[in-house]
């Protein structure tokens, strides 16, 4: 498969439950780069860049999240011409 970048917007109880840190750990396990950051409206934005199979695995995990998270929706968008970061950060 190919490398790509996908942005996810995760809705539900996803702030204050270690969602960003757990996402970073899962992304690093899959050799993905990008970021996870809290949004003012209570959602978490996740940028995943790397091998499409690894992105698929992380995208599926986003629905579960860490213990304590209650995900109600995950919106995915494939990004064209996205500059992949060199690491995975949390903001």
PDB file of N, CA and C in Angstrom:
ATOM      1  N   UNK A   1       0.843  -1.182   0.000  1.00  0.00           N
ATOM      2  CA  UNK A   1       0.000   0.000   0.000  1.00  0.00           C
ATOM      3  C   UNK A   1       0.888   1.245   0.000  1.00  0.00           C
ATOM      4  N   UNK A   2       0.270   2.398   0.032  1.00  0.00           N
ATOM      5  CA  UNK A   2       1.013   3.639  -0.097  1.00  0.00           C
ATOM      6  C   UNK A   2       0.984   4.447   1.194  1.00  0.00           C
ATOM      7  N   UNK A   3       1.838   5.463   1.233  1.00  0.00           N
ATOM      8  CA  UNK A   3       1.844   6.389   2.355  1.00  0.00           C
ATOM      9  C   UNK A   3       0.828   7.488   2.093  1.00  0.00           C
ATOM     10  N   UNK A   4       0.191   7.956   3.155  1.00  0.00           N
ATOM     11  CA  UNK A   4      -0.789   9.018   3.032  1.00  0.00           C
ATOM     12  C   UNK A   4      -0.957   9.694   4.379  1.00  0.00           C
ATOM     13  N   UNK A   5      -1.759  10.749   4.395  1.00  0.00           N
ATOM     14  CA  UNK A   5      -2.124  11.443   5.636  1.00  0.00           C
ATOM     15  C   UNK A   5      -3.639  11.481   5.739  1.00  0.00           C
ATOM     16  N   UNK A   6      -4.132  11.221   6.930  1.00  0.00           N
ATOM     17  CA  UNK A   6      -5.567  11.245   7.204  1.00  0.00           C
ATOM     18  C   UNK A   6      -5.791  12.067   8.466  1.00  0.00           C
ATOM     19  N   UNK A   7      -6.802  12.939   8.414  1.00  0.00           N
ATOM     20  CA  UNK A   7      -7.179  13.707   9.601  1.00  0.00           C
ATOM     21  C   UNK A   7      -8.455  13.109  10.165  1.00  0.00           C
ATOM     22  N   UNK A   8      -8.462  12.913  11.476  1.00  0.00           N
ATOM     23  CA  UNK A   8      -9.641  12.398  12.161  1.00  0.00           C
ATOM     24  C   UNK A   8     -10.124  13.427  13.169  1.00  0.00           C
ATOM     25  N   UNK A   9     -11.433  13.596  13.247  1.00  0.00           N
ATOM     26  CA  UNK A   9     -12.059  14.403  14.290  1.00  0.00           C
ATOM     27  C   UNK A   9     -12.867  13.441  15.153  1.00  0.00           C
ATOM     28  N   UNK A  10     -12.467  13.343  16.419  1.00  0.00           N
ATOM     29  CA  UNK A  10     -13.046  12.359  17.328  1.00  0.00           C
ATOM     30  C   UNK A  10     -13.969  13.075  18.312  1.00  0.00           C
ATOM     31  N   UNK A  11     -15.211  12.610  18.373  1.00  0.00           N
ATOM     32  CA  UNK A  11     -16.240  13.222  19.211  1.00  0.00           C
ATOM     33  C   UNK A  11     -16.624  12.268  20.338  1.00  0.00           C
ATOM     34  N   UNK A  12     -16.976  12.836  21.477  1.00  0.00           N
ATOM     35  CA  UNK A  12     -17.413  12.059  22.637  1.00  0.00           C
ATOM     36  C   UNK A  12     -16.670  12.527  23.870  1.00  0.00           C
ATOM     37  N   UNK A  13     -16.579  11.662  24.855  1.00  0.00           N
ATOM     38  CA  UNK A  13     -15.786  11.970  26.052  1.00  0.00           C
ATOM     39  C   UNK A  13     -14.347  11.578  25.736  1.00  0.00           C
ATOM     40  N   UNK A  14     -13.619  12.529  25.150  1.00  0.00           N
ATOM     41  CA  UNK A  14     -12.260  12.231  24.685  1.00  0.00           C
ATOM     42  C   UNK A  14     -11.222  13.220  25.229  1.00  0.00           C
ATOM     43  N   UNK A  15     -11.651  14.141  26.070  1.00  0.00           N
ATOM     44  CA  UNK A  15     -10.702  15.039  26.723  1.00  0.00           C
ATOM     45  C   UNK A  15     -10.715  14.741  28.218  1.00  0.00           C
ATOM     46  N   UNK A  16      -9.529  14.760  28.816  1.00  0.00           N
ATOM     47  CA  UNK A  16      -9.407  14.456  30.237  1.00  0.00           C
ATOM     48  C   UNK A  16      -9.377  12.975  30.547  1.00  0.00           C
ATOM     49  N   UNK A  17      -9.158  12.133  29.525  1.00  0.00           N
ATOM     50  CA  UNK A  17      -9.126  10.677  29.722  1.00  0.00           C
ATOM     51  C   UNK A  17      -7.864  10.066  29.103  1.00  0.00           C
ATOM     52  N   UNK A  18      -6.819  10.885  28.924  1.00  0.00           N
ATOM     53  CA  UNK A  18      -5.540  10.434  28.345  1.00  0.00           C
ATOM     54  C   UNK A  18      -5.680   9.990  26.900  1.00  0.00           C
ATOM     55  N   UNK A  19      -6.672  10.514  26.188  1.00  0.00           N
ATOM     56  CA  UNK A  19      -6.906  10.105  24.799  1.00  0.00           C
ATOM     57  C   UNK A  19      -5.731  10.469  23.893  1.00  0.00           C
ATOM     58  N   UNK A  20      -5.220  11.690  24.017  1.00  0.00           N
ATOM     59  CA  UNK A  20      -4.119  12.122  23.141  1.00  0.00           C
ATOM     60  C   UNK A  20      -2.858  11.297  23.382  1.00  0.00           C
ATOM     61  N   UNK A  21      -2.511  11.069  24.643  1.00  0.00           N
ATOM     62  CA  UNK A  21      -1.310  10.304  24.966  1.00  0.00           C
ATOM     63  C   UNK A  21      -1.438   8.856  24.488  1.00  0.00           C
ATOM     64  N   UNK A  22      -2.582   8.249  24.705  1.00  0.00           N
ATOM     65  CA  UNK A  22      -2.796   6.873  24.254  1.00  0.00           C
ATOM     66  C   UNK A  22      -2.749   6.793  22.731  1.00  0.00           C
ATOM     67  N   UNK A  23      -3.297   7.805  22.052  1.00  0.00           N
ATOM     68  CA  UNK A  23      -3.244   7.847  20.590  1.00  0.00           C
ATOM     69  C   UNK A  23      -1.800   7.948  20.121  1.00  0.00           C
ATOM     70  N   UNK A  24      -1.010   8.777  20.799  1.00  0.00           N
ATOM     71  CA  UNK A  24       0.406   8.913  20.450  1.00  0.00           C
ATOM     72  C   UNK A  24       1.124   7.574  20.603  1.00  0.00           C
ATOM     73  N   UNK A  25       0.885   6.866  21.688  1.00  0.00           N
ATOM     74  CA  UNK A  25       1.522   5.563  21.901  1.00  0.00           C
ATOM     75  C   UNK A  25       1.152   4.578  20.794  1.00  0.00           C
ATOM     76  N   UNK A  26      -0.130   4.525  20.433  1.00  0.00           N
ATOM     77  CA  UNK A  26      -0.577   3.619  19.365  1.00  0.00           C
ATOM     78  C   UNK A  26       0.043   4.014  18.029  1.00  0.00           C
ATOM     79  N   UNK A  27       0.109   5.318  17.756  1.00  0.00           N
ATOM     80  CA  UNK A  27       0.692   5.797  16.494  1.00  0.00           C
ATOM     81  C   UNK A  27       2.163   5.422  16.406  1.00  0.00           C
ATOM     82  N   UNK A  28       2.894   5.597  17.493  1.00  0.00           N
ATOM     83  CA  UNK A  28       4.321   5.266  17.491  1.00  0.00           C
ATOM     84  C   UNK A  28       4.535   3.761  17.300  1.00  0.00           C
ATOM     85  N   UNK A  29       3.645   2.956  17.854  1.00  0.00           N
ATOM     86  CA  UNK A  29       3.725   1.499  17.658  1.00  0.00           C
ATOM     87  C   UNK A  29       3.578   1.143  16.179  1.00  0.00           C
ATOM     88  N   UNK A  30       2.833   1.953  15.437  1.00  0.00           N
ATOM     89  CA  UNK A  30       2.588   1.711  14.016  1.00  0.00           C
ATOM     90  C   UNK A  30       3.542   2.516  13.118  1.00  0.00           C
ATOM     91  N   UNK A  31       4.515   3.202  13.719  1.00  0.00           N
ATOM     92  CA  UNK A  31       5.489   4.032  12.974  1.00  0.00           C
ATOM     93  C   UNK A  31       4.808   5.163  12.200  1.00  0.00           C
ATOM     94  N   UNK A  32       3.764   5.725  12.778  1.00  0.00           N
ATOM     95  CA  UNK A  32       3.066   6.841  12.158  1.00  0.00           C
ATOM     96  C   UNK A  32       3.583   8.162  12.723  1.00  0.00           C
ATOM     97  N   UNK A  33       3.474   9.219  11.931  1.00  0.00           N
ATOM     98  CA  UNK A  33       3.765  10.557  12.404  1.00  0.00           C
ATOM     99  C   UNK A  33       2.471  11.360  12.382  1.00  0.00           C
ATOM    100  N   UNK A  34       2.505  12.544  12.998  1.00  0.00           N
ATOM    101  CA  UNK A  34       1.322  13.396  13.026  1.00  0.00           C
ATOM    102  C   UNK A  34       1.168  14.040  14.377  1.00  0.00           C
ATOM    103  N   UNK A  35      -0.096  14.178  14.817  1.00  0.00           N
ATOM    104  CA  UNK A  35      -0.348  14.790  16.119  1.00  0.00           C
ATOM    105  C   UNK A  35      -1.746  14.433  16.600  1.00  0.00           C
ATOM    106  N   UNK A  36      -1.956  14.673  17.887  1.00  0.00           N
ATOM    107  CA  UNK A  36      -3.280  14.602  18.499  1.00  0.00           C
ATOM    108  C   UNK A  36      -3.419  15.858  19.344  1.00  0.00           C
ATOM    109  N   UNK A  37      -4.501  16.614  19.109  1.00  0.00           N
ATOM    110  CA  UNK A  37      -4.678  17.842  19.887  1.00  0.00           C
ATOM    111  C   UNK A  37      -6.134  18.049  20.261  1.00  0.00           C
ATOM    112  N   UNK A  38      -6.323  18.641  21.448  1.00  0.00           N
ATOM    113  CA  UNK A  38      -7.658  18.993  21.906  1.00  0.00           C
ATOM    114  C   UNK A  38      -8.164  20.187  21.116  1.00  0.00           C
ATOM    115  N   UNK A  39      -9.441  20.166  20.790  1.00  0.00           N
ATOM    116  CA  UNK A  39     -10.098  21.302  20.148  1.00  0.00           C
ATOM    117  C   UNK A  39     -10.988  22.000  21.170  1.00  0.00           C
ATOM    118  N   UNK A  40     -11.215  23.306  20.989  1.00  0.00           N
ATOM    119  CA  UNK A  40     -12.033  24.049  21.947  1.00  0.00           C
ATOM    120  C   UNK A  40     -13.453  23.507  22.114  1.00  0.00           C
ATOM    121  N   UNK A  41     -13.970  22.813  21.101  1.00  0.00           N
ATOM    122  CA  UNK A  41     -15.350  22.306  21.179  1.00  0.00           C
ATOM    123  C   UNK A  41     -15.453  20.942  21.862  1.00  0.00           C
ATOM    124  N   UNK A  42     -14.333  20.433  22.413  1.00  0.00           N
ATOM    125  CA  UNK A  42     -14.369  19.169  23.149  1.00  0.00           C
ATOM    126  C   UNK A  42     -13.931  17.963  22.345  1.00  0.00           C
ATOM    127  N   UNK A  43     -13.754  18.134  21.046  1.00  0.00           N
ATOM    128  CA  UNK A  43     -13.277  17.023  20.220  1.00  0.00           C
ATOM    129  C   UNK A  43     -11.761  16.941  20.272  1.00  0.00           C
ATOM    130  N   UNK A  44     -11.223  15.850  19.733  1.00  0.00           N
ATOM    131  CA  UNK A  44      -9.783  15.693  19.543  1.00  0.00           C
ATOM    132  C   UNK A  44      -9.530  15.552  18.048  1.00  0.00           C
ATOM    133  N   UNK A  45      -8.572  16.316  17.537  1.00  0.00           N
ATOM    134  CA  UNK A  45      -8.142  16.216  16.142  1.00  0.00           C
ATOM    135  C   UNK A  45      -6.887  15.369  16.102  1.00  0.00           C
ATOM    136  N   UNK A  46      -6.864  14.389  15.199  1.00  0.00           N
ATOM    137  CA  UNK A  46      -5.712  13.504  15.047  1.00  0.00           C
ATOM    138  C   UNK A  46      -5.265  13.544  13.599  1.00  0.00           C
ATOM    139  N   UNK A  47      -3.981  13.817  13.384  1.00  0.00           N
ATOM    140  CA  UNK A  47      -3.379  13.714  12.064  1.00  0.00           C
ATOM    141  C   UNK A  47      -2.517  12.473  12.063  1.00  0.00           C
ATOM    142  N   UNK A  48      -2.766  11.573  11.103  1.00  0.00           N
ATOM    143  CA  UNK A  48      -2.020  10.315  10.990  1.00  0.00           C
ATOM    144  C   UNK A  48      -1.359  10.272   9.626  1.00  0.00           C
ATOM    145  N   UNK A  49      -0.034  10.150   9.607  1.00  0.00           N
ATOM    146  CA  UNK A  49       0.702  10.082   8.346  1.00  0.00           C
ATOM    147  C   UNK A  49       1.591   8.841   8.348  1.00  0.00           C
ATOM    148  N   UNK A  50       1.571   8.134   7.235  1.00  0.00           N
ATOM    149  CA  UNK A  50       2.396   6.935   7.123  1.00  0.00           C
ATOM    150  C   UNK A  50       1.743   5.920   6.210  1.00  0.00           C
ATOM    151  N   UNK A  51       2.081   4.666   6.441  1.00  0.00           N
ATOM    152  CA  UNK A  51       1.588   3.568   5.623  1.00  0.00           C
ATOM    153  C   UNK A  51       0.075   3.416   5.812  1.00  0.00           C
ATOM    154  N   UNK A  52      -0.642   3.254   4.729  1.00  0.00           N
ATOM    155  CA  UNK A  52      -2.108   3.208   4.786  1.00  0.00           C
ATOM    156  C   UNK A  52      -2.633   2.072   5.664  1.00  0.00           C
ATOM    157  N   UNK A  53      -1.933   0.929   5.713  1.00  0.00           N
ATOM    158  CA  UNK A  53      -2.383  -0.162   6.589  1.00  0.00           C
ATOM    159  C   UNK A  53      -2.296   0.237   8.056  1.00  0.00           C
ATOM    160  N   UNK A  54      -1.226   0.956   8.423  1.00  0.00           N
ATOM    161  CA  UNK A  54      -1.055   1.413   9.800  1.00  0.00           C
ATOM    162  C   UNK A  54      -2.101   2.469  10.148  1.00  0.00           C
ATOM    163  N   UNK A  55      -2.393   3.344   9.200  1.00  0.00           N
ATOM    164  CA  UNK A  55      -3.425   4.357   9.420  1.00  0.00           C
ATOM    165  C   UNK A  55      -4.782   3.689   9.625  1.00  0.00           C
ATOM    166  N   UNK A  56      -5.068   2.646   8.868  1.00  0.00           N
ATOM    167  CA  UNK A  56      -6.333   1.924   9.023  1.00  0.00           C
ATOM    168  C   UNK A  56      -6.447   1.336  10.438  1.00  0.00           C
ATOM    169  N   UNK A  57      -5.362   0.741  10.934  1.00  0.00           N
ATOM    170  CA  UNK A  57      -5.387   0.160  12.280  1.00  0.00           C
ATOM    171  C   UNK A  57      -5.620   1.224  13.343  1.00  0.00           C
ATOM    172  N   UNK A  58      -4.914   2.358  13.237  1.00  0.00           N
ATOM    173  CA  UNK A  58      -5.097   3.418  14.222  1.00  0.00           C
ATOM    174  C   UNK A  58      -6.492   4.027  14.101  1.00  0.00           C
ATOM    175  N   UNK A  59      -6.979   4.188  12.883  1.00  0.00           N
ATOM    176  CA  UNK A  59      -8.326   4.736  12.679  1.00  0.00           C
ATOM    177  C   UNK A  59      -9.381   3.876  13.367  1.00  0.00           C
ATOM    178  N   UNK A  60      -9.213   2.569  13.290  1.00  0.00           N
ATOM    179  CA  UNK A  60     -10.156   1.666  13.948  1.00  0.00           C
ATOM    180  C   UNK A  60     -10.041   1.786  15.471  1.00  0.00           C
ATOM    181  N   UNK A  61      -8.807   1.931  15.979  1.00  0.00           N
ATOM    182  CA  UNK A  61      -8.603   2.055  17.422  1.00  0.00           C
ATOM    183  C   UNK A  61      -9.208   3.358  17.957  1.00  0.00           C
ATOM    184  N   UNK A  62      -9.231   4.421  17.140  1.00  0.00           N
ATOM    185  CA  UNK A  62      -9.766   5.697  17.594  1.00  0.00           C
ATOM    186  C   UNK A  62     -11.203   5.563  18.092  1.00  0.00           C
ATOM    187  N   UNK A  63     -11.962   4.618  17.551  1.00  0.00           N
ATOM    188  CA  UNK A  63     -13.341   4.384  17.999  1.00  0.00           C
ATOM    189  C   UNK A  63     -13.378   3.850  19.424  1.00  0.00           C
ATOM    190  N   UNK A  64     -12.320   3.165  19.843  1.00  0.00           N
ATOM    191  CA  UNK A  64     -12.260   2.593  21.192  1.00  0.00           C
ATOM    192  C   UNK A  64     -11.615   3.589  22.145  1.00  0.00           C
ATOM    193  N   UNK A  65     -10.404   4.025  21.814  1.00  0.00           N
ATOM    194  CA  UNK A  65      -9.676   4.932  22.684  1.00  0.00           C
ATOM    195  C   UNK A  65      -9.235   4.243  23.961  1.00  0.00           C
ATOM    196  N   UNK A  66      -8.658   5.009  24.876  1.00  0.00           N
ATOM    197  CA  UNK A  66      -8.202   4.437  26.143  1.00  0.00           C
ATOM    198  C   UNK A  66      -9.374   4.191  27.088  1.00  0.00           C
ATOM    199  N   UNK A  67      -9.088   3.503  28.183  1.00  0.00           N
ATOM    200  CA  UNK A  67     -10.105   3.275  29.200  1.00  0.00           C
ATOM    201  C   UNK A  67     -10.605   4.631  29.702  1.00  0.00           C
ATOM    202  N   UNK A  68     -11.885   4.783  29.818  1.00  0.00           N
ATOM    203  CA  UNK A  68     -12.467   6.040  30.269  1.00  0.00           C
ATOM    204  C   UNK A  68     -13.017   6.889  29.133  1.00  0.00           C
ATOM    205  N   UNK A  69     -12.561   6.637  27.927  1.00  0.00           N
ATOM    206  CA  UNK A  69     -13.070   7.381  26.775  1.00  0.00           C
ATOM    207  C   UNK A  69     -14.415   6.807  26.351  1.00  0.00           C
ATOM    208  N   UNK A  70     -15.267   7.671  25.834  1.00  0.00           N
ATOM    209  CA  UNK A  70     -16.562   7.249  25.291  1.00  0.00           C
ATOM    210  C   UNK A  70     -16.723   7.937  23.943  1.00  0.00           C
ATOM    211  N   UNK A  71     -16.258   7.264  22.900  1.00  0.00           N
ATOM    212  CA  UNK A  71     -16.269   7.836  21.550  1.00  0.00           C
ATOM    213  C   UNK A  71     -17.639   7.639  20.931  1.00  0.00           C
ATOM    214  N   UNK A  72     -18.193   8.740  20.400  1.00  0.00           N
ATOM    215  CA  UNK A  72     -19.503   8.660  19.755  1.00  0.00           C
ATOM    216  C   UNK A  72     -19.409   8.817  18.240  1.00  0.00           C
ATOM    217  N   UNK A  73     -18.319   9.415  17.741  1.00  0.00           N
ATOM    218  CA  UNK A  73     -18.192   9.612  16.299  1.00  0.00           C
ATOM    219  C   UNK A  73     -16.730   9.848  15.936  1.00  0.00           C
ATOM    220  N   UNK A  74     -16.310   9.301  14.803  1.00  0.00           N
ATOM    221  CA  UNK A  74     -14.989   9.568  14.236  1.00  0.00           C
ATOM    222  C   UNK A  74     -15.189   9.931  12.775  1.00  0.00           C
ATOM    223  N   UNK A  75     -14.788  11.138  12.424  1.00  0.00           N
ATOM    224  CA  UNK A  75     -14.879  11.615  11.037  1.00  0.00           C
ATOM    225  C   UNK A  75     -13.476  11.589  10.435  1.00  0.00           C
ATOM    226  N   UNK A  76     -13.321  10.901   9.296  1.00  0.00           N
ATOM    227  CA  UNK A  76     -12.022  10.770   8.649  1.00  0.00           C
ATOM    228  C   UNK A  76     -11.989  11.534   7.337  1.00  0.00           C
ATOM    229  N   UNK A  77     -10.849  12.161   7.065  1.00  0.00           N
ATOM    230  CA  UNK A  77     -10.653  12.885   5.816  1.00  0.00           C
ATOM    231  C   UNK A  77      -9.239  12.606   5.302  1.00  0.00           C
ATOM    232  N   UNK A  78      -9.143  12.053   4.098  1.00  0.00           N
ATOM    233  CA  UNK A  78      -7.841  11.841   3.464  1.00  0.00           C
ATOM    234  C   UNK A  78      -7.358  13.184   2.932  1.00  0.00           C
ATOM    235  N   UNK A  79      -6.136  13.546   3.283  1.00  0.00           N
ATOM    236  CA  UNK A  79      -5.589  14.839   2.892  1.00  0.00           C
ATOM    237  C   UNK A  79      -4.675  14.697   1.684  1.00  0.00           C
ATOM    238  N   UNK A  80      -4.912  15.502   0.676  1.00  0.00           N
ATOM    239  CA  UNK A  80      -4.046  15.544  -0.496  1.00  0.00           C
ATOM    240  C   UNK A  80      -2.939  16.562  -0.251  1.00  0.00           C
ATOM    241  N   UNK A  81      -1.765  16.277  -0.740  1.00  0.00           N
ATOM    242  CA  UNK A  81      -0.631  17.204  -0.649  1.00  0.00           C
ATOM    243  C   UNK A  81      -0.341  17.630   0.784  1.00  0.00           C
ATOM    244  N   UNK A  82      -0.446  16.714   1.713  1.00  0.00           N
ATOM    245  CA  UNK A  82      -0.174  17.009   3.112  1.00  0.00           C
ATOM    246  C   UNK A  82       1.308  16.793   3.390  1.00  0.00           C
ATOM    247  N   UNK A  83       1.925  17.727   4.083  1.00  0.00           N
ATOM    248  CA  UNK A  83       3.325  17.580   4.476  1.00  0.00           C
ATOM    249  C   UNK A  83       3.375  16.779   5.775  1.00  0.00           C
ATOM    250  N   UNK A  84       3.881  15.563   5.703  1.00  0.00           N
ATOM    251  CA  UNK A  84       3.928  14.684   6.884  1.00  0.00           C
ATOM    252  C   UNK A  84       4.990  15.182   7.860  1.00  0.00           C
ATOM    253  N   UNK A  85       4.627  15.346   9.146  1.00  0.00           N
ATOM    254  CA  UNK A  85       5.621  15.726  10.137  1.00  0.00           C
ATOM    255  C   UNK A  85       6.632  14.607  10.365  1.00  0.00           C
ATOM    256  N   UNK A  86       7.718  14.925  11.032  1.00  0.00           N
ATOM    257  CA  UNK A  86       8.781  13.946  11.248  1.00  0.00           C
ATOM    258  C   UNK A  86       8.570  13.117  12.515  1.00  0.00           C
ATOM    259  N   UNK A  87       7.574  13.461  13.336  1.00  0.00           N
ATOM    260  CA  UNK A  87       7.315  12.756  14.584  1.00  0.00           C
ATOM    261  C   UNK A  87       5.816  12.826  14.895  1.00  0.00           C
ATOM    262  N   UNK A  88       5.423  12.210  16.002  1.00  0.00           N
ATOM    263  CA  UNK A  88       4.017  12.276  16.444  1.00  0.00           C
ATOM    264  C   UNK A  88       3.977  13.059  17.743  1.00  0.00           C
ATOM    265  N   UNK A  89       3.245  14.167  17.754  1.00  0.00           N
ATOM    266  CA  UNK A  89       3.206  15.066  18.912  1.00  0.00           C
ATOM    267  C   UNK A  89       1.815  15.120  19.506  1.00  0.00           C
ATOM    268  N   UNK A  90       1.749  15.596  20.740  1.00  0.00           N
ATOM    269  CA  UNK A  90       0.463  15.905  21.367  1.00  0.00           C
ATOM    270  C   UNK A  90       0.460  17.395  21.678  1.00  0.00           C
ATOM    271  N   UNK A  91      -0.676  18.024  21.449  1.00  0.00           N
ATOM    272  CA  UNK A  91      -0.838  19.459  21.727  1.00  0.00           C
ATOM    273  C   UNK A  91      -1.983  19.657  22.676  1.00  0.00           C
TER     274      UNK A  91
END
